[in-house]
Amino acid sequence: MKIIDLDQSNLTVVELIELAEQDTIILRKPDGTEFVLSVVDDFAAEVEALRQN
C-alpha cells in the first residue's frame, strides 16, 4: 500500500491508475481526508486488511 499526498503530487489520474494496478494507493488530501484507489478484484482483500489494522 502506498500513500500519496495530493498537495505534494503532480501525478495525473492516468498515472495514479497505473500505480493502482501494481499496488493499492491511498490518496490523502491536505485536510487529511483519505481515499483508496485499488483494482476492483483486490478491493475486498484490501478492505479486510484495513479492518485488521
Protein backbone atom coordinates (compact mmCIF):
# COMPACT_ATOMS: atom_id res chain seq x y z
CA MET A 1 0.00 0.00 0.00
CA LYS A 2 1.35 3.42 -0.97
CA ILE A 3 0.23 6.80 0.36
CA ILE A 4 0.23 9.78 -1.99
CA ASP A 5 -0.24 13.27 -0.57
CA LEU A 6 -2.20 15.12 -3.23
CA ASP A 7 -0.84 18.53 -2.22
CA GLN A 8 2.70 17.29 -2.99
CA SER A 9 1.97 15.27 -6.12
CA ASN A 10 1.73 16.25 -9.77
CA LEU A 11 0.51 12.82 -10.91
CA THR A 12 -2.31 12.65 -13.44
CA VAL A 13 -5.35 10.44 -12.95
CA VAL A 14 -3.96 8.04 -15.57
CA GLU A 15 -0.65 7.83 -13.68
CA LEU A 16 -2.50 7.17 -10.42
CA ILE A 17 -4.49 4.38 -12.05
CA GLU A 18 -1.31 2.85 -13.43
CA LEU A 19 0.18 2.89 -9.92
CA ALA A 20 -3.00 1.33 -8.52
CA GLU A 21 -2.64 -1.54 -10.99
CA GLN A 22 0.54 -2.51 -9.11
CA ASP A 23 -0.48 -1.75 -5.51
CA THR A 24 -3.34 -0.21 -3.55
CA ILE A 25 -3.00 3.57 -3.33
CA ILE A 26 -4.14 5.84 -0.51
CA LEU A 27 -4.80 9.38 -1.73
CA ARG A 28 -4.52 11.96 1.05
CA LYS A 29 -5.97 15.47 0.75
CA PRO A 30 -4.31 18.39 2.55
CA ASP A 31 -7.05 18.27 5.22
CA GLY A 32 -6.14 14.63 6.00
CA THR A 33 -9.13 13.01 4.28
CA GLU A 34 -8.04 9.75 2.66
CA PHE A 35 -9.38 7.76 -0.28
CA VAL A 36 -8.48 4.27 -1.52
CA LEU A 37 -7.65 3.59 -5.18
CA SER A 38 -7.45 -0.12 -5.93
CA VAL A 39 -8.11 -2.69 -8.62
CA VAL A 40 -11.64 -3.98 -8.07
CA ASP A 41 -10.53 -7.63 -7.91
CA ASP A 42 -8.25 -6.82 -4.97
CA PHE A 43 -10.58 -4.42 -3.22
CA ALA A 44 -12.32 -6.95 -0.94
CA ALA A 45 -8.97 -8.26 0.27
CA GLU A 46 -7.70 -4.73 0.92
CA VAL A 47 -10.84 -3.80 2.88
CA GLU A 48 -10.29 -6.82 5.10
CA ALA A 49 -6.62 -5.92 5.57
CA LEU A 50 -7.55 -2.36 6.52
CA ARG A 51 -10.08 -3.64 9.06
CA GLN A 52 -7.35 -5.61 10.76
CA ASN A 53 -5.08 -2.55 11.13
